[in-house]
Protein backbone atom coordinates (compact mmCIF):
# COMPACT_ATOMS: atom_id res chain seq x y z
CA MET A 1 115.88 105.74 116.69
CA GLY A 2 112.69 103.40 115.50
CA GLY A 3 111.41 103.79 118.80
CA LEU A 4 111.12 108.11 118.57
CA GLN A 5 109.88 107.64 115.28
CA ALA A 6 107.17 105.02 116.39
CA LEU A 7 106.64 107.57 119.52
CA GLY A 8 106.16 110.34 116.90
CA ARG A 9 103.76 108.19 114.98
CA THR A 10 101.47 107.53 118.36
CA TYR A 11 101.35 111.76 119.21
CA ARG A 12 100.44 112.47 115.10
CA HIS A 13 97.35 110.23 115.85
CA LEU A 14 96.48 111.24 119.35
CA ASN A 15 93.21 111.89 119.27
CA ARG A 16 92.58 108.19 117.98
CA TYR A 17 95.06 106.75 120.21
CA ARG A 18 92.99 108.45 122.90
CA GLU A 19 89.54 107.06 121.55
CA VAL A 20 91.47 103.62 121.73
CA VAL A 21 92.27 103.86 124.90
CA ALA A 22 88.95 104.79 126.35
CA VAL A 23 86.71 102.19 124.24
CA LEU A 24 89.42 99.13 126.09
CA ALA A 25 89.14 100.94 129.42
CA LYS A 26 85.17 100.98 128.87
CA HIS A 27 85.54 97.43 128.04
CA GLY A 28 87.93 96.33 131.29
CA PHE A 29 91.28 96.56 129.98
CA GLY A 30 92.61 98.84 132.91
CA ASP A 31 94.91 96.42 133.89
CA LEU A 32 96.31 95.72 130.55
CA LEU A 33 96.64 99.63 129.87
CA HIS A 34 98.84 100.04 132.44
CA MET A 35 100.45 97.10 132.04
CA LEU A 36 101.40 98.48 128.40
CA ARG A 37 102.48 101.67 130.10
CA LEU A 38 99.84 103.37 127.94
CA ASP A 39 98.71 105.79 131.03
CA VAL A 40 102.24 107.14 130.96
CA TYR A 41 102.26 107.95 126.66
CA ILE A 42 98.96 109.47 126.66
CA GLU A 43 98.48 110.18 130.34
CA ALA A 44 97.18 113.95 129.57
CA GLY A 45 93.85 112.64 128.42
CA LEU A 46 93.33 110.14 129.96
CA LYS A 47 93.56 110.61 134.04
CA GLY A 48 90.07 110.68 134.27
CA VAL A 49 88.82 107.15 131.85
CA MET A 50 91.62 104.82 133.12
CA ARG A 51 89.91 105.25 136.23
CA HIS A 52 87.09 104.99 135.09
CA PRO A 53 85.23 101.56 136.18
CA PRO A 54 84.24 99.16 133.53
CA VAL A 55 80.29 99.20 131.92
CA ASP A 56 80.93 95.31 130.59
CA THR A 57 80.60 92.81 133.23
CA ALA A 58 80.77 89.82 130.14
CA GLU A 59 83.51 87.11 130.12
CA ARG A 60 87.12 88.77 128.70
CA PRO A 61 86.81 87.01 125.24
CA GLU A 62 83.48 88.62 124.51
CA ARG A 63 84.87 92.03 125.88
CA VAL A 64 87.33 91.70 123.32
CA ARG A 65 85.15 91.40 120.87
CA LEU A 66 82.63 94.13 121.87
CA ALA A 67 85.80 96.45 121.81
CA LEU A 68 87.17 95.63 118.61
CA GLN A 69 82.93 96.06 116.88
CA ASP A 70 83.38 99.69 118.70
CA LEU A 71 86.42 100.69 117.54
CA GLY A 72 85.16 100.32 113.96
CA PRO A 73 86.77 98.68 110.40
CA THR A 74 90.22 98.51 110.82
CA PHE A 75 89.68 96.49 114.42
CA VAL A 76 86.81 94.51 112.88
CA LYS A 77 88.95 93.24 110.20
CA ALA A 78 91.96 92.53 112.37
CA GLY A 79 90.00 90.37 114.49
CA GLN A 80 88.32 88.62 112.05
CA TYR A 81 91.92 87.81 110.59
CA LEU A 82 93.12 86.80 114.55
CA SER A 83 89.70 84.27 114.57
CA MET A 84 91.47 81.90 112.47
CA ARG A 85 95.35 82.42 114.28
CA ALA A 86 94.90 79.15 116.38
CA ASP A 87 99.02 79.69 117.00
CA VAL A 88 98.23 83.25 118.58
CA LEU A 89 95.18 82.84 120.53
CA PRO A 90 93.47 80.37 122.88
CA ALA A 91 90.09 78.08 120.96
CA GLU A 92 87.46 80.49 123.25
CA TYR A 93 88.96 84.17 121.80
CA LEU A 94 88.63 82.40 118.55
CA ARG A 95 85.42 81.03 118.34
CA GLU A 96 84.41 84.59 119.72
CA LEU A 97 86.56 86.61 117.46
CA ALA A 98 84.61 84.58 114.55
CA LYS A 99 80.95 86.89 115.49
CA LEU A 100 82.90 89.48 114.09
CA GLN A 101 80.43 91.19 111.71
CA ASP A 102 81.46 93.60 108.81
CA ARG A 103 78.62 95.70 108.26
CA VAL A 104 78.32 99.33 108.49
CA PRO A 105 75.75 101.41 106.44
CA PRO A 106 76.37 102.75 103.06
CA PHE A 107 78.17 105.95 102.29
CA PRO A 108 75.94 108.28 99.78
CA ALA A 109 76.23 107.20 95.60
CA GLU A 110 77.24 110.68 95.12
CA GLU A 111 80.55 109.50 96.60
CA ALA A 112 81.18 106.64 94.68
CA ARG A 113 80.20 108.44 91.59
CA ARG A 114 82.82 111.46 92.52
CA ILE A 115 85.84 108.17 93.13
CA VAL A 116 84.10 106.23 89.68
CA GLU A 117 85.01 109.79 87.71
CA GLU A 118 88.17 111.02 89.46
CA ASP A 119 89.42 106.93 88.56
CA LEU A 120 88.47 106.46 85.94
CA GLY A 121 88.86 110.08 84.02
CA ARG A 122 85.02 110.53 82.58
CA PRO A 123 81.98 110.97 84.12
CA VAL A 124 79.88 108.28 84.94
CA GLU A 125 77.16 108.92 82.37
CA ALA A 126 79.46 108.06 79.66
CA LEU A 127 80.83 105.09 80.94
CA PHE A 128 78.01 103.42 81.90
CA LYS A 129 74.40 103.36 80.60
CA ARG A 130 73.07 103.03 84.08
CA PHE A 131 74.96 103.19 87.28
CA ASP A 132 72.43 102.64 90.47
CA VAL A 133 72.11 104.37 93.15
CA LEU A 134 71.32 102.11 95.98
CA PRO A 135 74.25 99.72 96.52
CA LEU A 136 73.78 95.77 96.68
CA ALA A 137 75.67 95.78 99.49
CA ALA A 138 78.26 97.30 101.76
CA ALA A 139 80.93 96.84 103.83
CA SER A 140 83.95 98.45 105.97
CA ILE A 141 86.22 98.62 102.61
CA ALA A 142 83.85 99.28 99.71
CA GLN A 143 80.05 99.15 98.04
CA ILE A 144 78.88 97.06 95.15
CA HIS A 145 76.72 99.12 92.46
CA SER A 146 74.25 97.54 90.00
CA ALA A 147 75.19 98.80 86.22
CA ALA A 148 75.30 98.68 83.09
CA LEU A 149 77.63 98.84 80.61
CA LEU A 150 77.03 101.11 77.39
CA ASP A 151 76.27 98.00 75.15
CA GLY A 152 73.29 97.09 77.49
CA SER A 153 75.37 94.10 79.55
CA GLU A 154 75.25 93.80 83.12
CA VAL A 155 77.89 94.40 85.49
CA VAL A 156 78.51 95.23 89.21
CA VAL A 157 80.93 97.78 89.97
CA LYS A 158 82.89 97.92 93.59
CA VAL A 159 83.86 101.41 95.10
CA GLU A 160 86.57 101.71 97.53
CA ARG A 161 84.80 103.86 100.97
CA PRO A 162 85.80 107.36 100.77
CA ARG A 163 88.83 108.09 102.88
CA ILE A 164 89.08 104.32 104.18
CA ARG A 165 93.05 104.27 103.37
CA ALA A 166 93.66 107.08 105.92
CA VAL A 167 91.71 105.57 108.95
CA VAL A 168 93.38 102.06 107.98
CA SER A 169 96.53 103.68 108.00
CA ALA A 170 96.21 105.90 111.50
CA ASP A 171 94.64 102.75 112.93
CA LEU A 172 97.40 100.32 111.96
CA GLU A 173 100.21 102.38 113.46
CA ILE A 174 98.64 102.42 116.35
CA MET A 175 98.08 98.65 115.92
CA ALA A 176 101.88 98.14 115.22
CA HIS A 177 102.85 100.36 118.72
CA ILE A 178 100.23 98.51 121.00
CA ALA A 179 101.96 95.20 119.37
CA GLY A 180 105.61 96.59 119.53
CA LEU A 181 104.85 96.88 123.51
CA ALA A 182 102.92 94.09 124.22
CA GLU A 183 106.69 92.49 123.00
CA HIS A 184 108.46 94.82 124.97
CA TYR A 185 106.29 94.17 128.74
CA PHE A 186 105.18 90.75 127.89
CA PRO A 187 108.12 88.22 127.43
CA GLU A 188 105.59 85.14 127.32
CA TRP A 189 104.24 86.83 124.14
CA ALA A 190 107.56 87.69 122.50
CA TRP A 191 107.69 84.51 120.73
CA ARG A 192 104.24 84.73 118.80
CA ARG A 193 105.62 88.39 117.54
CA PRO A 194 102.63 90.46 117.86
CA THR A 195 104.54 92.90 115.59
CA ARG A 196 104.57 90.56 113.12
CA VAL A 197 100.93 89.23 113.00
CA VAL A 198 100.08 93.78 112.91
CA ALA A 199 102.23 93.46 110.05
CA GLU A 200 100.40 90.40 108.69
CA ILE A 201 96.88 91.93 109.15
CA ALA A 202 98.91 95.15 107.55
CA ARG A 203 99.08 93.20 104.35
CA SER A 204 95.84 91.49 103.91
CA LEU A 205 94.35 94.84 104.21
CA ASP A 206 96.20 96.41 101.60
CA HIS A 207 95.52 93.58 99.68
CA GLU A 208 91.93 94.11 99.92
CA MET A 209 92.15 97.60 99.48
CA ASP A 210 94.00 97.44 96.00
CA PHE A 211 91.28 96.46 93.55
CA SER A 212 93.95 96.11 90.84
CA LEU A 213 94.92 93.21 92.47
CA GLU A 214 91.87 91.52 93.12
CA ALA A 215 91.38 91.99 89.11
CA ALA A 216 94.18 89.73 88.82
CA HIS A 217 93.47 87.30 91.59
CA VAL A 218 89.91 86.74 89.65
CA GLU A 219 91.92 86.42 86.06
CA ARG A 220 94.55 83.79 87.65
CA PHE A 221 91.63 81.71 89.06
CA ALA A 222 89.57 82.16 85.74
CA ARG A 223 92.99 80.45 84.00
CA GLN A 224 93.53 77.49 86.53
CA PHE A 225 89.92 75.99 85.71
CA ALA A 226 90.19 77.29 81.97
CA ASP A 227 89.37 73.60 81.43
CA ASN A 228 86.74 72.76 84.17
CA PRO A 229 83.40 73.79 82.71
CA THR A 230 82.26 73.19 85.89
CA VAL A 231 83.32 76.68 87.08
CA ARG A 232 82.53 80.23 86.55
CA VAL A 233 84.17 83.64 86.96
CA PRO A 234 82.87 87.09 86.24
CA LYS A 235 85.03 88.76 83.74
CA VAL A 236 87.03 91.54 84.72
CA HIS A 237 86.47 94.86 82.76
CA ARG A 238 90.06 96.33 83.32
CA ALA A 239 89.12 99.76 81.14
CA LEU A 240 86.85 100.06 84.09
CA SER A 241 88.53 99.38 86.78
CA SER A 242 91.83 100.49 88.93
CA ALA A 243 93.10 100.50 92.54
CA ARG A 244 89.72 101.79 94.10
CA VAL A 245 86.91 100.57 91.21
CA LEU A 246 86.37 97.61 90.46
CA THR A 247 83.96 96.45 87.42
CA LEU A 248 83.14 93.00 87.18
CA GLU A 249 80.29 90.91 84.93
CA ARG A 250 77.36 90.43 87.09
CA LEU A 251 76.54 86.57 87.44
CA HIS A 252 72.89 85.24 88.31
CA GLY A 253 72.11 82.04 90.27
CA VAL A 254 71.16 80.11 93.64
CA LYS A 255 72.99 80.90 96.37
CA ALA A 256 75.06 77.49 97.53
CA ASP A 257 72.94 76.87 100.75
CA ASP A 258 69.27 77.95 99.58
CA LEU A 259 68.27 74.67 99.03
CA ALA A 260 64.72 75.85 98.48
CA GLY A 261 65.77 77.32 95.41
CA MET A 262 67.75 74.65 94.30
CA ALA A 263 64.43 72.40 93.81
CA ARG A 264 62.57 74.82 92.40
CA GLU A 265 65.56 75.12 89.43
CA GLY A 266 65.86 71.31 89.20
CA LEU A 267 69.34 71.55 91.05
CA ASP A 268 70.75 68.28 92.62
CA PRO A 269 72.30 69.69 96.23
CA ARG A 270 74.29 66.21 96.42
CA VAL A 271 76.06 67.45 93.27
CA VAL A 272 76.71 70.94 94.34
CA ALA A 273 78.37 69.67 97.46
CA GLU A 274 80.55 67.27 95.38
CA ARG A 275 81.90 69.93 92.80
CA LEU A 276 82.30 72.39 95.94
CA ALA A 277 84.82 70.02 97.15
CA SER A 278 86.80 68.85 94.30
CA HIS A 279 87.02 73.29 93.36
CA TYR A 280 88.73 73.32 96.53
CA LEU A 281 90.77 70.10 96.87
CA ALA A 282 92.16 71.36 93.61
CA MET A 283 92.65 74.76 94.52
CA ILE A 284 94.21 73.30 97.60
CA PHE A 285 96.21 70.33 96.25
CA THR A 286 96.78 70.97 92.92
CA HIS A 287 96.82 74.72 92.12
CA GLY A 288 97.81 75.75 95.34
CA PHE A 289 95.57 79.03 94.91
CA PHE A 290 92.62 79.15 96.59
CA HIS A 291 89.57 81.60 97.12
CA ALA A 292 89.95 82.54 100.70
CA ASP A 293 86.08 83.23 102.03
CA PRO A 294 83.15 80.15 100.95
CA HIS A 295 80.50 81.67 102.67
CA PRO A 296 77.12 81.18 100.69
CA GLY A 297 76.61 84.68 99.83
CA ASN A 298 80.25 84.26 97.33
CA LEU A 299 78.87 81.41 95.47
CA LEU A 300 76.06 80.80 92.98
CA VAL A 301 74.81 77.78 91.58
CA GLU A 302 73.35 78.18 88.04
CA ALA A 303 72.28 75.88 85.25
CA ASP A 304 73.96 72.34 84.93
CA HIS A 305 75.58 72.29 88.86
CA VAL A 306 78.12 75.25 87.37
CA VAL A 307 78.92 77.09 90.48
CA ALA A 308 80.40 80.84 90.13
CA TYR A 309 82.80 82.48 92.21
CA LEU A 310 82.41 85.72 93.46
CA ASP A 311 84.77 88.11 95.48
CA PHE A 312 88.28 87.62 95.58
CA GLY A 313 89.10 90.07 98.49
CA MET A 314 90.39 87.44 100.28
CA THR A 315 92.80 84.54 98.50
CA GLY A 316 95.35 82.03 99.79
CA ARG A 317 98.98 80.46 98.09
CA LEU A 318 100.13 77.22 99.26
CA ASP A 319 103.44 76.70 98.04
CA ARG A 320 104.75 72.95 97.06
CA ALA A 321 106.37 72.25 99.72
CA LEU A 322 102.91 72.92 101.98
CA ARG A 323 100.92 70.90 99.98
CA GLU A 324 103.28 67.66 99.90
CA SER A 325 103.48 68.75 103.80
CA LEU A 326 99.46 68.93 104.27
CA ALA A 327 99.31 65.78 101.90
CA GLU A 328 101.36 63.92 104.74
CA ILE A 329 99.34 65.34 107.57
CA VAL A 330 96.20 63.37 106.27
CA LEU A 331 98.00 60.17 105.22
CA ALA A 332 99.55 59.86 108.64
CA VAL A 333 96.02 60.31 110.35
CA ALA A 334 95.07 57.53 107.68
CA GLN A 335 97.54 55.16 109.19
CA VAL A 336 98.00 55.64 112.65
CA ASP A 337 101.41 57.14 112.13
CA GLN A 338 102.24 59.04 115.23
CA ALA A 339 106.06 59.87 114.19
CA LEU A 340 105.16 61.07 110.57
CA LEU A 341 102.04 62.85 111.86
CA GLY A 342 104.39 65.15 114.19
CA LYS A 343 107.37 65.33 111.40
CA ALA A 344 104.83 66.54 108.87
CA LEU A 345 103.27 69.03 111.61
CA LEU A 346 106.54 70.62 112.51
CA ALA A 347 107.80 71.07 108.92
CA LEU A 348 105.52 73.57 108.55
CA CYS A 349 106.10 75.59 111.32
CA GLU A 350 109.05 77.60 112.41
CA HIS A 351 110.11 77.94 115.26
CA GLU A 352 113.45 79.38 117.16
CA GLU A 353 113.68 76.33 119.69
CA GLU A 354 113.77 72.96 118.53
CA PRO A 355 110.10 71.22 120.67
CA ASP A 356 110.37 68.48 123.17
CA ALA A 357 110.16 65.57 120.32
CA ARG A 358 108.65 63.01 123.05
CA ALA A 359 106.20 65.33 124.65
CA PHE A 360 105.40 66.82 121.32
CA GLU A 361 104.10 63.19 120.07
CA GLU A 362 102.55 62.15 123.04
CA ASP A 363 100.49 65.23 122.49
CA VAL A 364 100.29 64.16 118.74
CA ALA A 365 99.36 60.57 119.53
CA GLU A 366 96.47 61.82 121.72
CA LEU A 367 94.96 64.08 119.22
CA LEU A 368 95.10 61.30 116.60
CA ASP A 369 92.94 58.67 118.98
CA GLN A 370 90.08 61.38 118.47
CA TYR A 371 90.17 60.41 114.56
CA ALA A 372 92.33 57.34 113.35
CA TYR A 373 89.87 54.94 114.88
CA ARG A 374 86.54 57.11 113.38
CA PRO A 375 85.06 56.32 110.31
CA LEU A 376 86.01 58.33 107.18
CA GLY A 377 82.51 59.91 106.96
CA GLU A 378 82.79 61.36 110.66
CA TRP A 379 86.14 63.46 109.92
CA ARG A 380 86.24 67.33 109.47
CA LEU A 381 89.15 67.78 107.97
CA GLY A 382 88.81 71.80 108.64
CA ARG A 383 88.70 71.30 112.74
CA MET A 384 91.25 68.18 112.47
CA LEU A 385 93.97 70.78 111.03
CA GLU A 386 92.71 73.47 113.29
CA GLN A 387 93.17 71.28 116.25
CA PHE A 388 96.78 70.07 115.58
CA PHE A 389 97.89 73.81 114.70
CA GLN A 390 96.47 74.42 118.16
CA THR A 391 98.64 71.30 119.31
CA THR A 392 101.94 72.93 117.55
CA ALA A 393 100.89 76.55 119.32
CA ARG A 394 101.76 74.67 122.66
CA TYR A 395 105.12 74.36 121.82
CA ARG A 396 106.07 77.67 120.58
CA VAL A 397 106.14 76.95 116.94
CA LEU A 398 104.78 79.31 113.81
CA VAL A 399 102.85 78.25 111.38
CA PRO A 400 102.60 80.42 107.66
CA PRO A 401 99.38 82.48 107.95
CA ASP A 402 98.09 81.43 104.83
CA LEU A 403 97.42 77.81 106.35
CA PHE A 404 95.06 79.23 108.63
CA MET A 405 93.47 80.89 105.94
CA MET A 406 93.21 77.23 104.33
CA VAL A 407 91.55 75.87 107.47
CA LYS A 408 88.84 78.78 108.06
CA ALA A 409 88.12 77.85 104.11
CA LEU A 410 88.25 74.22 104.91
CA THR A 411 85.73 74.78 108.00
CA GLU A 412 83.33 77.15 106.26
CA LEU A 413 83.40 74.96 103.08
CA GLU A 414 82.60 71.22 105.04
CA SER A 415 79.51 73.40 106.84
CA LEU A 416 78.25 74.00 103.41
CA THR A 417 78.78 70.75 101.86
CA ARG A 418 77.22 69.08 105.01
CA LEU A 419 74.40 71.19 104.69
CA LEU A 420 73.99 70.03 101.14
CA ASP A 421 74.56 66.67 101.44
CA PRO A 422 74.78 65.43 105.26
CA ARG A 423 76.25 62.37 104.19
CA PHE A 424 78.96 63.93 102.22
CA ASP A 425 82.61 62.22 102.99
CA ALA A 426 85.32 64.89 102.68
CA VAL A 427 87.97 62.39 102.92
CA SER A 428 87.01 60.17 100.29
CA ALA A 429 86.90 62.98 98.13
CA ALA A 430 90.60 64.44 98.94
CA ALA A 431 91.92 61.16 98.56
CA PRO A 432 93.17 61.00 95.04
CA PHE A 433 94.42 64.50 95.44
CA ILE A 434 96.11 63.55 98.27
CA ARG A 435 97.20 59.97 96.13
CA ARG A 436 98.33 62.13 93.22
CA VAL A 437 100.41 64.91 95.35
CA GLN A 438 102.13 61.71 96.68
CA GLU A 439 102.58 60.07 93.30
CA GLU A 440 104.15 63.33 92.24
CA ARG A 441 106.15 64.03 95.19
CA LEU A 442 107.95 60.25 94.55
CA GLY A 443 108.33 60.57 90.45
CA PRO A 444 111.22 61.11 88.96
CA ARG A 445 110.98 64.31 88.04
CA ARG A 446 109.94 65.95 91.36
CA MET A 447 113.22 63.80 92.71
CA ALA A 448 115.11 65.16 89.75
CA GLU A 449 114.28 68.40 91.14
CA ARG A 450 115.09 68.04 94.72
CA PHE A 451 118.55 66.33 94.22
CA ALA A 452 119.02 69.17 91.68
CA GLU A 453 118.36 72.02 94.00
CA ALA A 454 119.95 70.42 96.81
CA GLY A 455 123.57 70.18 94.55
CA ARG A 456 123.03 73.88 94.08
CA GLU A 457 122.74 74.80 97.44
CA THR A 458 125.47 72.72 98.46
CA LEU A 459 127.65 74.05 95.88
CA ASP A 460 126.98 77.79 96.93
CA LEU A 461 128.08 76.41 100.43
CA LEU A 462 131.24 75.09 99.33
CA THR A 463 131.68 77.93 97.25
CA SER A 464 130.90 80.66 99.57
CA ALA A 465 132.47 78.90 102.71
CA PRO A 466 136.42 79.81 102.27
CA SER A 467 135.53 83.59 101.67
CA GLU A 468 133.35 83.74 104.80
CA LEU A 469 136.10 81.72 106.88
CA ARG A 470 138.50 84.43 105.73
CA GLN A 471 136.31 87.01 106.74
CA LEU A 472 136.00 85.48 110.23
CA ILE A 473 139.27 85.52 110.56
CA ARG A 474 140.33 88.70 109.36
CA GLN A 475 137.97 90.04 112.01
CA ALA A 476 138.95 88.30 114.51
CA ARG A 477 142.84 89.67 114.05
CA ARG A 478 141.51 93.21 113.41
CA GLY A 479 139.51 93.25 116.93
CA ARG A 480 136.40 93.22 115.36
CA LEU A 481 135.00 90.25 116.11
CA LEU A 482 131.36 90.54 117.63
CA ILE A 483 129.74 87.49 119.68
CA GLU A 484 126.08 88.90 120.97
CA PHE A 485 124.81 87.01 124.03
CA GLU A 486 121.14 87.44 124.57
CA HIS A 487 118.97 87.05 127.45
CA LYS A 488 115.84 85.58 128.21
CA GLY A 489 113.21 86.71 130.63
CA LEU A 490 115.10 89.91 131.90
CA GLU A 491 113.07 92.84 130.46
CA PRO A 492 110.85 93.28 133.37
CA ALA A 493 113.61 93.79 135.68
CA LEU A 494 115.40 96.17 133.10
CA SER A 495 111.97 97.82 132.70
CA GLU A 496 111.65 98.22 136.40
CA LEU A 497 115.13 99.45 136.57
CA ASP A 498 115.17 101.88 134.25
CA GLN A 499 111.71 103.54 135.85
CA ILE A 500 114.29 103.84 138.87
CA SER A 501 116.81 105.49 137.47
CA ASN A 502 114.66 107.90 135.65
CA ARG A 503 113.02 108.54 138.98
CA LEU A 504 116.51 108.88 140.33
CA ALA A 505 117.40 111.68 137.76
CA TYR A 506 114.72 113.19 138.08
CA ALA A 507 114.99 113.72 141.93
CA ILE A 508 118.66 114.55 141.68
CA LEU A 509 117.76 117.43 139.23
CA LEU A 510 114.96 118.62 141.57
CA GLY A 511 117.21 119.11 144.46
CA SER A 512 119.66 120.95 142.47
CA LEU A 513 116.66 122.74 141.07
CA VAL A 514 115.69 123.37 145.03
CA ILE A 515 119.54 124.28 145.90
CA GLY A 516 119.92 126.43 143.21
CA SER A 517 116.95 128.83 143.61
CA ALA A 518 118.24 128.76 147.31
CA LEU A 519 121.62 130.25 146.39
CA VAL A 520 119.49 132.74 143.92
CA VAL A 521 117.32 133.74 146.58
CA ARG A 522 120.74 134.47 149.04
CA SER A 523 122.35 136.05 146.99
CA GLY A 524 119.61 138.69 146.07
CA ILE A 525 119.94 138.39 142.42
CA PRO A 526 117.30 141.06 140.78
CA PRO A 527 114.20 141.44 139.71
CA TYR A 528 112.51 141.42 143.22
CA TRP A 529 109.19 141.08 144.05
CA ARG A 530 108.40 142.29 148.05
CA GLY A 531 112.60 142.45 148.59
CA VAL A 532 113.05 138.76 147.86
CA SER A 533 114.88 137.74 144.11
CA LEU A 534 111.98 136.69 141.69
CA PRO A 535 114.39 133.98 139.39
CA GLY A 536 114.41 132.30 143.11
CA ILE A 537 111.03 132.15 143.68
CA GLY A 538 110.34 131.00 140.46
CA GLY A 539 112.91 128.20 140.90
CA PHE A 540 111.05 127.51 144.13
CA LEU A 541 107.89 127.34 142.63
CA LEU A 542 108.80 124.95 139.68
CA ALA A 543 110.50 122.81 142.20
CA ALA A 544 107.55 122.61 144.19
CA VAL A 545 105.43 121.99 140.28
CA MET A 546 107.91 118.91 139.62
CA GLY A 547 107.98 117.42 143.06
CA PHE A 548 104.30 117.45 143.00
CA TRP A 549 104.59 115.82 139.66
CA LEU A 550 106.78 113.04 140.87
CA LEU A 551 104.80 112.17 143.80
CA ILE A 552 101.48 111.52 141.84
CA ALA A 553 103.42 109.59 139.14
CA ILE A 554 104.65 107.58 142.42
CA LEU A 555 101.09 107.58 144.19
CA ARG A 556 99.64 106.40 140.67
CA HIS A 557 101.75 102.96 140.58
CA GLY A 558 101.30 102.43 144.30
CA ARG A 559 104.87 102.57 145.42
CA LEU A 560 105.02 105.23 147.51
């Protein structure tokens, strides 16, 4: 039933599906389309496209990027998300997808005004003293307009792009269908769970398009740094905000990478680098909630080296267990402890089968040698963690998505801090936070919490075991005890058998139609055309069309 529903959704967006497949074929992915059987699903509209030679001669990772760029905002966002996933794609694809730009033309100001008035229920003139026609910035999900409140306060108004939800919804359904085909036809990809990755992309886009959620993120971030005078966050105007409209206080300052601007304002870039690092390390290791897009356009430096954070569309969360494992990883590298490092890495990951411990430790040790004997000032925390997660991916283990978002944020932050202060030592800055995490983990309060949690789990297990055992015995007595065996690696053979059986059934039906038509003609069943039974002639014509269709299908797959 689920497969029929997915197919129904696919055909509901058939024109868009044809566009997607046409773009993939244009960029030289006809082989992939054939292996995914997409030529069968939408065969009617793509006979010419599938035979069209690729116009692209670039390397495959670059062609992936160009195809996603051509497919529009949803696929660009998906590519940007995948550029963080070292457990899903090889490094050369990650580097190429990181180049994807989220740049689209602005939409008319009249549309922005219409959405504001629809969501807030009043004319723009009754809500704002001024609402600028030209946007400050435009992206695939929204654009930002400068405005002033009725009391004259400067604000920015983020307005969702018209009809973007329908576009994103259709594209995500197509992505989910293609991901399902990939899991079915490529067993080597099944462990990466493409359908789950698409679900994560969908969840990320859903959060990014819900401005009421972004408003909550701004307010949460403001609360966790309420006692830190070096952090500034724009005020949210809740009365002028909704799911599609977000009104924020407008902040002014120098962009975080504008060294000349800092010099004019008497700001020291080294102090800015130190504060940025301190803020992000606190987000990651103390609060577990972080701003995930620290490019210079989202960071302003105000007087007295106060750092203002903008745009909370992308945020990440790390629970206490993840924070403790991260601290262990950095500590294990500093102590050159490969056993502890391997254990900490695996503690972060999900895996269906236990990896080969010896082989895993050898790979970890080889990677550890790249960092353990360097001066701490040469370490790159973001790059180091990315390499560790790429190593774990070879053992078919999955890393929580928020960790990759954190690695991306750390990598961008390190590039920025190195620009501000080439001698900045991120590891030394992280040391106090890591030490605090370790102390808290081994402190009496945390130990008591862990013992209490273990006690509750043990008690739950002991109390539920008898009833579950009785249920198993009852099912066995009734003959309802079901044991399932999963055979891996048989999907291609099963697919071929399915195709063979379908063709055999089709051929039997075709033969029956020919024999039946001959009997109708022989019996002389009216009406007649030139003395021959017309129903019999119709049956022969239908059999000819079906036979020709079967021959074409066999020839297209190269098996006569």
